[in-house]
Amino acid sequence: MNAKEKKSVCFSWGFCKVTLSNPVEKVAYLIIFHILFVLFVWTYWKSIFTLPVQPGKKYHMSYADKERYENEERPEVQRQILAEIARKLPVYTRTGNGGQLSSELCFSKSHQAR
């Protein structure tokens, strides 16, 4: 157990000892606290030590689409190009009126980084 975990456990014991008088409440609080603490540590561990995964090739822009998008200077035409590309993607999430959800900001930033 590292120092942070010890502080966390000490705080929970101190909290229960000082603020609660009923032993059943103390046990309930400690059980709930430790369940949440274990879930937090597990999710932290998974998020830090899971290797990132690149999207499959079927989600990448074709060279022609990328060139067409980068050569276009008008934002409204760029949005239209992105909408056309998004219609071809194997994505099943839809908006309320049936359109596909996509973020042009994220989409364009990811291609500028390449």
N, C-alpha and C. Protein backbone atom coordinates (compact mmCIF):
# COMPACT_ATOMS: atom_id res chain seq x y z
N MET A 1 0.85 -1.18 0.00
CA MET A 1 0.00 0.00 0.00
C MET A 1 0.90 1.24 0.00
N ASN A 2 0.67 2.17 -0.95
CA ASN A 2 1.49 3.37 -0.97
C ASN A 2 0.93 4.43 -0.02
N ALA A 3 1.61 5.58 0.08
CA ALA A 3 1.24 6.62 1.04
C ALA A 3 -0.14 7.19 0.76
N LYS A 4 -0.48 7.36 -0.52
CA LYS A 4 -1.80 7.89 -0.87
C LYS A 4 -2.91 6.95 -0.43
N GLU A 5 -2.72 5.66 -0.67
CA GLU A 5 -3.72 4.68 -0.28
C GLU A 5 -3.87 4.65 1.24
N LYS A 6 -2.74 4.76 1.97
CA LYS A 6 -2.80 4.78 3.43
C LYS A 6 -3.57 5.99 3.92
N LYS A 7 -3.32 7.17 3.30
CA LYS A 7 -4.05 8.38 3.69
C LYS A 7 -5.53 8.21 3.44
N SER A 8 -5.87 7.61 2.31
CA SER A 8 -7.26 7.41 1.94
C SER A 8 -7.95 6.50 2.95
N VAL A 9 -7.31 5.39 3.28
CA VAL A 9 -7.88 4.45 4.23
C VAL A 9 -7.95 5.08 5.61
N CYS A 10 -6.89 5.79 6.02
CA CYS A 10 -6.90 6.46 7.32
C CYS A 10 -8.00 7.51 7.39
N PHE A 11 -8.19 8.24 6.31
CA PHE A 11 -9.25 9.25 6.29
C PHE A 11 -10.61 8.59 6.45
N SER A 12 -10.83 7.49 5.74
CA SER A 12 -12.14 6.84 5.83
C SER A 12 -12.37 6.28 7.23
N TRP A 13 -11.34 5.70 7.85
CA TRP A 13 -11.48 5.21 9.22
C TRP A 13 -11.72 6.37 10.18
N GLY A 14 -10.97 7.45 10.00
CA GLY A 14 -11.13 8.63 10.86
C GLY A 14 -12.50 9.25 10.71
N PHE A 15 -12.96 9.34 9.48
CA PHE A 15 -14.29 9.90 9.21
C PHE A 15 -15.36 9.08 9.93
N CYS A 16 -15.27 7.78 9.80
CA CYS A 16 -16.26 6.91 10.44
C CYS A 16 -16.16 6.97 11.97
N LYS A 17 -14.95 7.03 12.48
CA LYS A 17 -14.74 7.03 13.93
C LYS A 17 -15.26 8.31 14.57
N VAL A 18 -15.02 9.45 13.93
CA VAL A 18 -15.37 10.74 14.52
C VAL A 18 -16.83 11.11 14.27
N THR A 19 -17.33 10.89 13.05
CA THR A 19 -18.65 11.42 12.70
C THR A 19 -19.80 10.44 12.89
N LEU A 20 -19.53 9.16 12.94
CA LEU A 20 -20.61 8.17 13.05
C LEU A 20 -20.54 7.46 14.39
N SER A 21 -21.70 7.24 14.98
CA SER A 21 -21.72 6.55 16.27
C SER A 21 -22.28 5.14 16.16
N ASN A 22 -23.13 4.90 15.20
CA ASN A 22 -23.74 3.59 15.02
C ASN A 22 -22.75 2.65 14.31
N PRO A 23 -22.41 1.51 14.91
CA PRO A 23 -21.45 0.59 14.29
C PRO A 23 -21.91 0.05 12.92
N VAL A 24 -23.21 -0.12 12.75
CA VAL A 24 -23.72 -0.61 11.47
C VAL A 24 -23.46 0.42 10.37
N GLU A 25 -23.67 1.70 10.69
CA GLU A 25 -23.38 2.78 9.73
C GLU A 25 -21.90 2.81 9.39
N LYS A 26 -21.05 2.65 10.41
CA LYS A 26 -19.60 2.66 10.17
C LYS A 26 -19.22 1.56 9.18
N VAL A 27 -19.71 0.36 9.41
CA VAL A 27 -19.39 -0.76 8.52
C VAL A 27 -19.92 -0.49 7.13
N ALA A 28 -21.15 0.02 7.03
CA ALA A 28 -21.74 0.30 5.72
C ALA A 28 -20.92 1.35 4.97
N TYR A 29 -20.54 2.43 5.65
CA TYR A 29 -19.74 3.47 5.01
C TYR A 29 -18.39 2.92 4.55
N LEU A 30 -17.75 2.12 5.40
CA LEU A 30 -16.45 1.57 5.03
C LEU A 30 -16.55 0.60 3.86
N ILE A 31 -17.59 -0.20 3.82
CA ILE A 31 -17.76 -1.13 2.70
C ILE A 31 -17.99 -0.35 1.41
N ILE A 32 -18.88 0.63 1.46
CA ILE A 32 -19.15 1.44 0.26
C ILE A 32 -17.90 2.17 -0.19
N PHE A 33 -17.18 2.76 0.78
CA PHE A 33 -15.96 3.49 0.43
C PHE A 33 -14.95 2.56 -0.25
N HIS A 34 -14.75 1.38 0.30
CA HIS A 34 -13.73 0.49 -0.26
C HIS A 34 -14.15 -0.09 -1.61
N ILE A 35 -15.42 -0.31 -1.81
CA ILE A 35 -15.89 -0.75 -3.13
C ILE A 35 -15.61 0.34 -4.16
N LEU A 36 -15.96 1.58 -3.83
CA LEU A 36 -15.71 2.68 -4.76
C LEU A 36 -14.21 2.91 -4.97
N PHE A 37 -13.44 2.76 -3.91
CA PHE A 37 -11.99 2.94 -4.02
C PHE A 37 -11.38 1.88 -4.94
N VAL A 38 -11.80 0.63 -4.80
CA VAL A 38 -11.28 -0.43 -5.66
C VAL A 38 -11.69 -0.18 -7.11
N LEU A 39 -12.93 0.25 -7.35
CA LEU A 39 -13.36 0.56 -8.71
C LEU A 39 -12.54 1.70 -9.31
N PHE A 40 -12.27 2.73 -8.50
CA PHE A 40 -11.44 3.84 -8.97
C PHE A 40 -10.04 3.37 -9.32
N VAL A 41 -9.41 2.61 -8.47
CA VAL A 41 -8.05 2.13 -8.73
C VAL A 41 -8.03 1.25 -9.97
N TRP A 42 -9.04 0.39 -10.12
CA TRP A 42 -9.11 -0.49 -11.29
C TRP A 42 -9.25 0.31 -12.58
N THR A 43 -10.15 1.30 -12.60
CA THR A 43 -10.33 2.09 -13.82
C THR A 43 -9.10 2.93 -14.12
N TYR A 44 -8.46 3.47 -13.08
CA TYR A 44 -7.22 4.22 -13.27
C TYR A 44 -6.15 3.31 -13.89
N TRP A 45 -5.99 2.12 -13.33
CA TRP A 45 -5.01 1.16 -13.83
C TRP A 45 -5.29 0.83 -15.29
N LYS A 46 -6.56 0.55 -15.62
CA LYS A 46 -6.91 0.20 -16.99
C LYS A 46 -6.64 1.36 -17.95
N SER A 47 -6.96 2.58 -17.55
CA SER A 47 -6.77 3.71 -18.45
C SER A 47 -5.29 4.06 -18.64
N ILE A 48 -4.48 3.87 -17.65
CA ILE A 48 -3.06 4.21 -17.75
C ILE A 48 -2.28 3.13 -18.49
N PHE A 49 -2.59 1.87 -18.24
CA PHE A 49 -1.76 0.79 -18.77
C PHE A 49 -2.33 0.06 -19.98
N THR A 50 -3.45 0.53 -20.52
CA THR A 50 -3.98 -0.06 -21.75
C THR A 50 -3.34 0.67 -22.93
N LEU A 51 -2.80 -0.08 -23.85
CA LEU A 51 -2.15 0.53 -25.00
C LEU A 51 -3.19 1.14 -25.94
N PRO A 52 -2.86 2.30 -26.54
CA PRO A 52 -3.81 2.92 -27.48
C PRO A 52 -3.92 2.09 -28.76
N VAL A 53 -5.07 2.17 -29.39
CA VAL A 53 -5.34 1.41 -30.60
C VAL A 53 -5.68 2.38 -31.72
N GLN A 54 -5.09 2.15 -32.88
CA GLN A 54 -5.39 2.98 -34.04
C GLN A 54 -6.67 2.47 -34.71
N PRO A 55 -7.48 3.38 -35.25
CA PRO A 55 -8.68 2.93 -35.96
C PRO A 55 -8.31 2.12 -37.19
N GLY A 56 -9.21 1.23 -37.60
CA GLY A 56 -8.98 0.39 -38.76
C GLY A 56 -8.90 1.21 -40.05
N LYS A 57 -8.36 0.61 -41.07
CA LYS A 57 -8.20 1.29 -42.37
C LYS A 57 -9.53 1.73 -42.97
N LYS A 58 -10.61 1.02 -42.65
CA LYS A 58 -11.90 1.40 -43.23
C LYS A 58 -12.38 2.75 -42.70
N TYR A 59 -11.77 3.26 -41.62
CA TYR A 59 -12.15 4.55 -41.06
C TYR A 59 -11.24 5.69 -41.51
N HIS A 60 -10.20 5.39 -42.26
CA HIS A 60 -9.28 6.43 -42.72
C HIS A 60 -9.82 7.07 -44.00
N MET A 61 -9.46 8.33 -44.19
CA MET A 61 -9.85 9.02 -45.43
C MET A 61 -8.99 8.50 -46.57
N SER A 62 -9.60 8.41 -47.73
CA SER A 62 -8.82 8.03 -48.90
C SER A 62 -7.92 9.22 -49.27
N TYR A 63 -6.89 8.93 -50.02
CA TYR A 63 -5.97 9.99 -50.42
C TYR A 63 -6.69 11.08 -51.22
N ALA A 64 -7.59 10.69 -52.11
CA ALA A 64 -8.32 11.65 -52.93
C ALA A 64 -9.22 12.54 -52.07
N ASP A 65 -9.92 11.94 -51.09
CA ASP A 65 -10.78 12.72 -50.20
C ASP A 65 -9.96 13.68 -49.35
N LYS A 66 -8.82 13.21 -48.88
CA LYS A 66 -7.95 14.05 -48.06
C LYS A 66 -7.44 15.24 -48.86
N GLU A 67 -7.01 15.00 -50.08
CA GLU A 67 -6.53 16.08 -50.94
C GLU A 67 -7.65 17.08 -51.23
N ARG A 68 -8.82 16.55 -51.55
CA ARG A 68 -9.96 17.42 -51.84
C ARG A 68 -10.30 18.30 -50.63
N TYR A 69 -10.28 17.70 -49.43
CA TYR A 69 -10.58 18.44 -48.20
C TYR A 69 -9.51 19.50 -47.92
N GLU A 70 -8.24 19.14 -48.02
CA GLU A 70 -7.15 20.07 -47.70
C GLU A 70 -7.04 21.20 -48.72
N ASN A 71 -7.39 20.95 -49.97
CA ASN A 71 -7.29 21.98 -51.00
C ASN A 71 -8.46 22.96 -50.98
N GLU A 72 -9.53 22.60 -50.30
CA GLU A 72 -10.70 23.48 -50.23
C GLU A 72 -10.51 24.50 -49.11
N GLU A 73 -10.71 25.78 -49.41
CA GLU A 73 -10.50 26.82 -48.41
C GLU A 73 -11.79 27.26 -47.74
N ARG A 74 -12.92 27.09 -48.37
CA ARG A 74 -14.20 27.55 -47.80
C ARG A 74 -14.70 26.54 -46.77
N PRO A 75 -14.96 27.00 -45.54
CA PRO A 75 -15.40 26.11 -44.46
C PRO A 75 -16.71 25.37 -44.77
N GLU A 76 -17.65 26.04 -45.44
CA GLU A 76 -18.92 25.37 -45.72
C GLU A 76 -18.75 24.22 -46.70
N VAL A 77 -17.82 24.35 -47.65
CA VAL A 77 -17.55 23.27 -48.59
C VAL A 77 -16.79 22.14 -47.88
N GLN A 78 -15.89 22.51 -46.98
CA GLN A 78 -15.18 21.50 -46.19
C GLN A 78 -16.17 20.67 -45.36
N ARG A 79 -17.16 21.35 -44.76
CA ARG A 79 -18.18 20.63 -43.99
C ARG A 79 -18.96 19.67 -44.89
N GLN A 80 -19.24 20.12 -46.09
CA GLN A 80 -19.97 19.27 -47.04
C GLN A 80 -19.13 18.05 -47.43
N ILE A 81 -17.85 18.26 -47.64
CA ILE A 81 -16.95 17.14 -47.97
C ILE A 81 -16.92 16.14 -46.82
N LEU A 82 -16.81 16.65 -45.59
CA LEU A 82 -16.79 15.77 -44.42
C LEU A 82 -18.10 15.01 -44.30
N ALA A 83 -19.21 15.66 -44.59
CA ALA A 83 -20.51 14.98 -44.52
C ALA A 83 -20.58 13.86 -45.55
N GLU A 84 -20.06 14.10 -46.75
CA GLU A 84 -20.05 13.05 -47.78
C GLU A 84 -19.19 11.87 -47.36
N ILE A 85 -18.03 12.16 -46.78
CA ILE A 85 -17.13 11.10 -46.32
C ILE A 85 -17.78 10.33 -45.17
N ALA A 86 -18.44 11.04 -44.27
CA ALA A 86 -19.06 10.40 -43.11
C ALA A 86 -20.19 9.46 -43.53
N ARG A 87 -20.88 9.78 -44.61
CA ARG A 87 -21.97 8.90 -45.08
C ARG A 87 -21.44 7.54 -45.52
N LYS A 88 -20.17 7.50 -45.95
CA LYS A 88 -19.59 6.24 -46.42
C LYS A 88 -19.03 5.38 -45.27
N LEU A 89 -18.91 5.96 -44.08
CA LEU A 89 -18.33 5.22 -42.96
C LEU A 89 -19.30 4.20 -42.39
N PRO A 90 -18.78 3.09 -41.87
CA PRO A 90 -19.64 2.08 -41.25
C PRO A 90 -19.98 2.46 -39.80
N VAL A 91 -20.69 3.58 -39.64
CA VAL A 91 -21.05 4.09 -38.32
C VAL A 91 -22.56 3.96 -38.15
N TYR A 92 -22.98 3.54 -36.97
CA TYR A 92 -24.39 3.28 -36.75
C TYR A 92 -25.05 4.27 -35.80
N THR A 93 -24.29 5.23 -35.25
CA THR A 93 -24.86 6.24 -34.36
C THR A 93 -25.53 7.30 -35.20
N ARG A 94 -26.73 7.66 -34.84
CA ARG A 94 -27.52 8.62 -35.62
C ARG A 94 -28.01 9.76 -34.73
N THR A 95 -28.25 10.90 -35.34
CA THR A 95 -28.85 12.03 -34.65
C THR A 95 -30.36 11.83 -34.60
N GLY A 96 -31.06 12.76 -33.98
CA GLY A 96 -32.50 12.66 -33.87
C GLY A 96 -33.22 12.63 -35.21
N ASN A 97 -32.67 13.34 -36.20
CA ASN A 97 -33.33 13.38 -37.52
C ASN A 97 -32.72 12.39 -38.51
N GLY A 98 -31.89 11.44 -38.03
CA GLY A 98 -31.39 10.38 -38.89
C GLY A 98 -30.01 10.60 -39.46
N GLY A 99 -29.39 11.76 -39.25
CA GLY A 99 -28.04 12.00 -39.75
C GLY A 99 -27.00 11.32 -38.88
N GLN A 100 -25.79 11.17 -39.41
CA GLN A 100 -24.72 10.55 -38.65
C GLN A 100 -24.02 11.60 -37.79
N LEU A 101 -23.64 11.20 -36.59
CA LEU A 101 -22.92 12.09 -35.69
C LEU A 101 -21.44 12.11 -36.08
N SER A 102 -20.89 13.30 -36.22
CA SER A 102 -19.45 13.43 -36.45
C SER A 102 -19.03 14.80 -35.98
N SER A 103 -17.79 14.91 -35.57
CA SER A 103 -17.26 16.18 -35.11
C SER A 103 -16.24 16.66 -36.13
N GLU A 104 -16.58 17.71 -36.84
CA GLU A 104 -15.64 18.19 -37.85
C GLU A 104 -14.38 18.75 -37.21
N LEU A 105 -14.48 19.28 -35.99
CA LEU A 105 -13.30 19.82 -35.31
C LEU A 105 -12.31 18.69 -35.03
N CYS A 106 -12.78 17.61 -34.44
CA CYS A 106 -11.92 16.45 -34.16
C CYS A 106 -11.42 15.83 -35.45
N PHE A 107 -12.29 15.73 -36.42
CA PHE A 107 -11.96 15.11 -37.70
C PHE A 107 -10.84 15.88 -38.39
N SER A 108 -10.96 17.21 -38.44
CA SER A 108 -9.94 18.00 -39.13
C SER A 108 -8.65 18.06 -38.34
N LYS A 109 -8.71 18.10 -37.01
CA LYS A 109 -7.49 18.14 -36.18
C LYS A 109 -6.70 16.85 -36.32
N SER A 110 -7.40 15.72 -36.39
CA SER A 110 -6.69 14.44 -36.48
C SER A 110 -5.93 14.34 -37.80
N HIS A 111 -6.44 14.95 -38.86
CA HIS A 111 -5.77 14.87 -40.15
C HIS A 111 -4.69 15.94 -40.29
N GLN A 112 -4.75 17.01 -39.51
CA GLN A 112 -3.68 18.00 -39.53
C GLN A 112 -2.44 17.47 -38.83
N ALA A 113 -2.64 16.58 -37.86
CA ALA A 113 -1.52 16.03 -37.10
C ALA A 113 -0.70 15.05 -37.91
N ARG A 114 -1.24 14.51 -38.99
CA ARG A 114 -0.53 13.50 -39.79
C ARG A 114 0.51 14.10 -40.66
